[in-house]
Protein backbone atom coordinates (compact mmCIF):
# COMPACT_ATOMS: atom_id res chain seq x y z
CA GLY A 1 154.06 135.69 118.54
CA ILE A 2 151.21 136.24 120.99
CA VAL A 3 147.94 134.35 120.51
CA PHE A 4 144.56 135.55 121.80
CA GLY A 5 142.61 132.41 122.61
CA THR A 6 141.74 129.24 120.72
CA GLY A 7 141.94 128.65 116.97
CA TYR A 8 145.67 129.03 116.37
CA PRO A 9 146.77 126.41 113.78
CA ILE A 10 148.28 123.51 115.73
CA LEU A 11 149.84 120.42 114.13
CA THR A 12 149.57 116.85 115.40
CA GLY A 13 152.42 116.06 117.79
CA ALA A 14 152.69 119.59 119.14
CA TYR A 15 154.03 120.07 122.65
CA ASP A 16 150.79 121.81 123.67
CA GLY A 17 147.66 121.82 121.50
CA THR A 18 145.45 123.78 123.90
CA PHE A 19 145.17 127.45 124.80
CA ASN A 20 146.04 127.72 128.48
CA GLY A 21 143.95 130.67 129.63
CA GLY A 22 144.54 134.27 130.51
CA GLN A 23 144.59 136.87 127.74
CA ILE A 24 147.49 135.57 125.64
CA ASP A 25 149.73 132.51 125.17
CA LEU A 26 152.79 132.03 123.01
CA GLY A 27 152.19 130.69 119.52
CA ILE A 28 155.40 129.11 118.21
CA SER A 29 155.51 127.92 114.58
CA LYS A 30 158.27 126.68 112.29
CA PHE A 31 158.07 126.81 108.50
CA ASN A 32 160.26 125.30 105.81
CA ALA A 33 162.86 127.51 104.16
CA ILE A 34 160.51 128.81 101.45
CA GLY A 35 157.44 129.21 103.66
CA THR A 36 155.20 126.68 101.91
CA ASP A 37 154.98 124.06 104.70
CA LEU A 38 154.24 124.42 108.39
CA LEU A 39 156.65 122.00 110.10
CA TYR A 40 155.39 122.39 113.67
CA SER A 41 153.11 124.68 115.63
CA THR A 42 152.34 124.78 119.36
CA TYR A 43 150.98 126.85 122.20
CA ILE A 44 153.14 127.50 125.27
CA GLY A 45 151.84 129.21 128.38
CA GLY A 46 150.21 129.24 131.78
CA SER A 47 146.92 130.54 133.09
CA ASN A 48 147.85 134.23 132.70
CA SER A 49 149.65 136.22 129.99
CA GLU A 50 152.92 135.40 128.18
CA THR A 51 154.92 137.12 125.43
CA PRO A 52 157.86 135.79 123.37
CA ASN A 53 160.29 138.71 123.21
CA SER A 54 163.17 137.01 121.40
CA ILE A 55 164.06 133.58 119.99
CA VAL A 56 167.22 131.88 118.73
CA ALA A 57 167.79 128.42 117.24
CA ALA A 58 170.64 126.12 118.25
CA PRO A 59 172.59 124.26 115.52
CA ASN A 60 170.52 121.10 116.19
CA GLY A 61 167.26 123.01 115.69
CA ASP A 62 166.21 123.34 119.34
CA LEU A 63 164.56 126.71 119.89
CA PHE A 64 165.44 128.92 122.84
CA ILE A 65 162.72 131.41 123.77
CA PHE A 66 162.97 134.42 126.09
CA GLY A 67 160.00 136.47 127.20
CA LEU A 68 157.64 137.56 129.97
CA THR A 69 155.06 135.69 131.97
CA SER A 70 152.42 136.64 134.49
CA SER A 71 151.55 133.00 135.18
CA THR A 72 152.28 131.20 138.45
CA ASP A 73 151.97 127.96 136.45
CA PHE A 74 154.13 128.62 133.39
CA PRO A 75 155.24 125.10 132.35
CA MET A 76 158.50 124.07 134.00
CA ALA A 77 160.68 121.37 132.46
CA GLY A 78 164.07 119.89 133.25
CA GLY A 79 165.92 120.90 136.39
CA SER A 80 164.79 124.52 136.36
CA TYR A 81 167.06 127.16 137.89
CA ASP A 82 163.95 128.70 139.45
CA ASN A 83 160.59 126.92 139.21
CA THR A 84 158.59 129.45 141.27
CA PHE A 85 156.93 132.63 140.00
CA ASN A 86 158.46 135.55 141.91
CA GLY A 87 155.52 137.92 141.69
CA GLY A 88 155.49 141.65 141.19
CA PRO A 89 153.09 144.57 141.37
CA ASN A 90 149.95 144.76 139.27
CA ILE A 91 150.72 146.59 136.03
CA PRO A 92 147.93 148.67 134.47
CA THR A 93 147.08 147.77 130.88
CA SER A 94 147.62 151.43 129.95
CA ALA A 95 151.36 150.73 130.38
CA THR A 96 151.42 147.52 128.30
CA ASN A 97 149.71 148.22 124.96
CA SER A 98 146.49 146.86 126.57
CA LEU A 99 148.06 143.47 127.34
CA ASP A 100 147.14 142.00 130.72
CA PHE A 101 150.04 141.75 133.17
CA THR A 102 147.99 142.67 136.22
CA GLY A 103 149.41 139.55 137.92
CA GLY A 104 152.98 140.88 137.81
CA SER A 105 155.84 139.96 135.49
CA ASP A 106 158.79 137.57 135.57
CA LEU A 107 161.21 136.64 132.82
CA TYR A 108 161.19 133.08 131.54
CA VAL A 109 163.65 131.16 129.35
CA ALA A 110 162.45 127.99 127.59
CA ARG A 111 164.00 125.38 125.29
CA LEU A 112 161.72 123.65 122.76
CA SER A 113 162.83 120.53 120.87
CA SER A 114 163.64 120.79 117.17
CA ASN A 115 160.38 119.04 116.20
CA GLY A 116 158.22 121.18 118.51
CA ALA A 117 157.03 118.14 120.46
CA ASN A 118 158.86 118.56 123.77
CA LEU A 119 159.68 121.31 126.21
CA ILE A 120 163.21 120.28 127.13
CA ALA A 121 163.93 122.93 129.76
CA SER A 122 162.43 126.10 131.18
CA THR A 123 162.88 128.44 134.11
CA TYR A 124 161.65 131.63 135.69
CA VAL A 125 164.15 134.45 136.27
CA GLY A 126 163.15 137.42 138.39
CA GLY A 127 162.64 139.16 141.68
CA SER A 128 159.73 140.69 143.57
CA GLY A 129 159.42 143.75 141.30
CA THR A 130 158.57 144.10 137.61
CA ASP A 131 160.93 141.99 135.50
CA GLY A 132 161.32 142.25 131.74
CA LEU A 133 158.52 144.73 131.17
CA ASN A 134 159.76 148.24 130.42
CA THR A 135 157.40 150.46 132.43
CA SER A 136 159.77 153.45 132.43
CA ALA A 137 159.72 156.66 130.38
CA LEU A 138 161.94 154.87 127.82
CA GLN A 139 158.91 154.04 125.66
CA TYR A 140 159.07 155.90 122.36
CA ASN A 141 157.98 153.29 119.81
CA TYR A 142 155.30 150.63 119.63
CA GLY A 143 156.47 147.56 121.51
CA ASP A 144 159.18 149.29 123.55
CA GLN A 145 157.63 147.69 126.64
CA PHE A 146 158.69 144.26 125.36
CA ARG A 147 162.32 144.68 124.25
CA GLY A 148 165.06 142.22 125.23
CA ASP A 149 167.24 139.66 123.53
CA ILE A 150 168.58 136.11 123.71
CA VAL A 151 171.69 134.67 122.02
CA LEU A 152 173.70 131.45 122.28
CA ASP A 153 177.41 130.71 122.27
CA GLY A 154 179.10 127.67 120.72
CA ASN A 155 178.21 125.51 123.73
CA ASN A 156 174.54 126.61 123.71
CA ASN A 157 175.06 128.67 126.83
CA VAL A 158 172.28 131.24 126.96
CA TYR A 159 172.76 135.02 127.21
CA VAL A 160 169.82 137.35 127.89
CA SER A 161 169.50 141.12 128.13
CA SER A 162 166.43 142.70 129.71
CA HIS A 163 165.49 145.10 132.51
CA THR A 164 164.05 145.03 136.02
CA THR A 165 162.71 147.11 138.88
CA SER A 166 163.45 144.28 141.36
CA SER A 167 165.97 145.09 144.08
CA ASN A 168 166.40 141.32 144.58
CA PHE A 169 166.89 140.22 140.97
CA PRO A 170 169.25 137.21 141.15
CA THR A 171 172.86 138.34 140.64
CA VAL A 172 175.84 135.99 140.45
CA GLN A 173 179.42 137.30 140.15
CA GLY A 174 177.92 140.50 138.74
CA SER A 175 179.93 143.60 137.96
CA GLN A 176 177.00 145.52 139.52
CA GLY A 177 175.34 143.73 142.38
CA ALA A 178 172.59 146.20 143.30
CA LEU A 179 169.77 148.08 141.62
CA ALA A 180 170.99 151.63 140.98
CA GLY A 181 167.83 153.33 139.73
CA GLY A 182 164.12 152.80 139.42
CA GLN A 183 164.72 150.40 136.51
CA ASP A 184 168.09 148.93 135.51
CA ALA A 185 169.13 146.78 132.60
CA VAL A 186 170.06 143.20 133.49
CA VAL A 187 172.34 140.79 131.65
CA PHE A 188 172.83 137.14 132.52
CA LYS A 189 174.30 133.86 131.29
CA MET A 190 172.81 130.41 131.90
CA ASN A 191 173.84 126.92 130.87
CA ALA A 192 172.05 125.10 128.06
CA GLY A 193 169.97 123.07 130.52
CA LEU A 194 168.61 126.27 132.11
CA ASN A 195 169.35 124.92 135.58
CA MET A 196 172.41 127.04 136.42
CA MET A 197 172.94 130.81 136.52
CA LEU A 198 176.57 131.19 135.45
CA TRP A 199 176.63 134.95 135.94
CA SER A 200 174.13 137.75 136.26
CA THR A 201 174.44 141.50 136.72
CA TYR A 202 172.53 144.74 136.86
CA LEU A 203 173.65 147.40 134.38
CA GLY A 204 172.51 150.95 135.01
CA GLY A 205 172.72 154.29 136.76
CA SER A 206 170.47 156.38 138.96
CA GLY A 207 167.84 156.89 136.24
CA ASP A 208 165.98 154.33 134.17
CA ASP A 209 167.85 151.93 131.86
CA THR A 210 166.89 149.14 129.44
CA GLY A 211 168.75 146.14 128.01
CA ASN A 212 167.31 145.87 124.50
CA SER A 213 169.84 143.82 122.56
CA LEU A 214 173.10 141.91 122.90
CA GLN A 215 175.73 140.14 120.81
CA LEU A 216 178.82 138.05 121.53
CA SER A 217 182.29 138.75 120.17
CA SER A 218 184.59 136.02 118.86
CA THR A 219 186.41 136.15 122.21
CA GLY A 220 183.23 135.79 124.28
CA ASP A 221 182.82 139.41 125.33
CA VAL A 222 179.19 140.51 125.60
CA TYR A 223 178.04 143.71 123.91
CA VAL A 224 174.79 145.17 125.24
CA ALA A 225 172.69 147.96 123.71
CA GLY A 226 169.74 149.71 125.27
CA GLY A 227 168.37 153.03 126.45
CA THR A 228 169.21 155.20 129.42
CA VAL A 229 168.22 158.46 131.06
CA SER A 230 170.93 158.00 133.71
CA PRO A 231 173.51 160.82 133.80
CA ASN A 232 175.88 158.42 135.58
CA MET A 233 175.44 155.33 133.40
């Protein structure tokens, strides 16, 4: 979840025991199966705002986290695919449930060790527009600004669905190589080390589109669900 400032319960040995500044950091905690013991708990973040939009655990317990950051100094680990914040326009808090993304918005993907002590890998993903934050008219329910999903395959390759207004979002072997509307869905696949973009594509029409959720079939096909106001989706 999101954490406003100091005081979040942190355990000894956590990757990061200190709130990093800005309005909000990530607070990542793991409990035992019946909820009676806190196994690990840590902050993750930079000097501006971060949200954790979706998480998924690998079979070995490593946690993969996908979300948004407005920080130029979000912690980078491993051989990041992109270790530089790509910027974006200031976003008024009236469009973000009063959360502060006035510094712009990029996606991030991060991999936390199974004991919560180490950030194994992390990367930015984005372009020069607004990435991951749904600022379109496709906001009908609380939290619709922060939809998106992350899943893993059997080799811990990472699949993410989200959305972007960036005309230069990184695309690799994409079925749609260009932004078609004001905001398109995006879908991409990275390796487990988060240092390679295996494929990436826009998905959308001439109106606004979102990539809210995704699942993999037994044959590796990717099913994406979202919202659209595009008559030519």
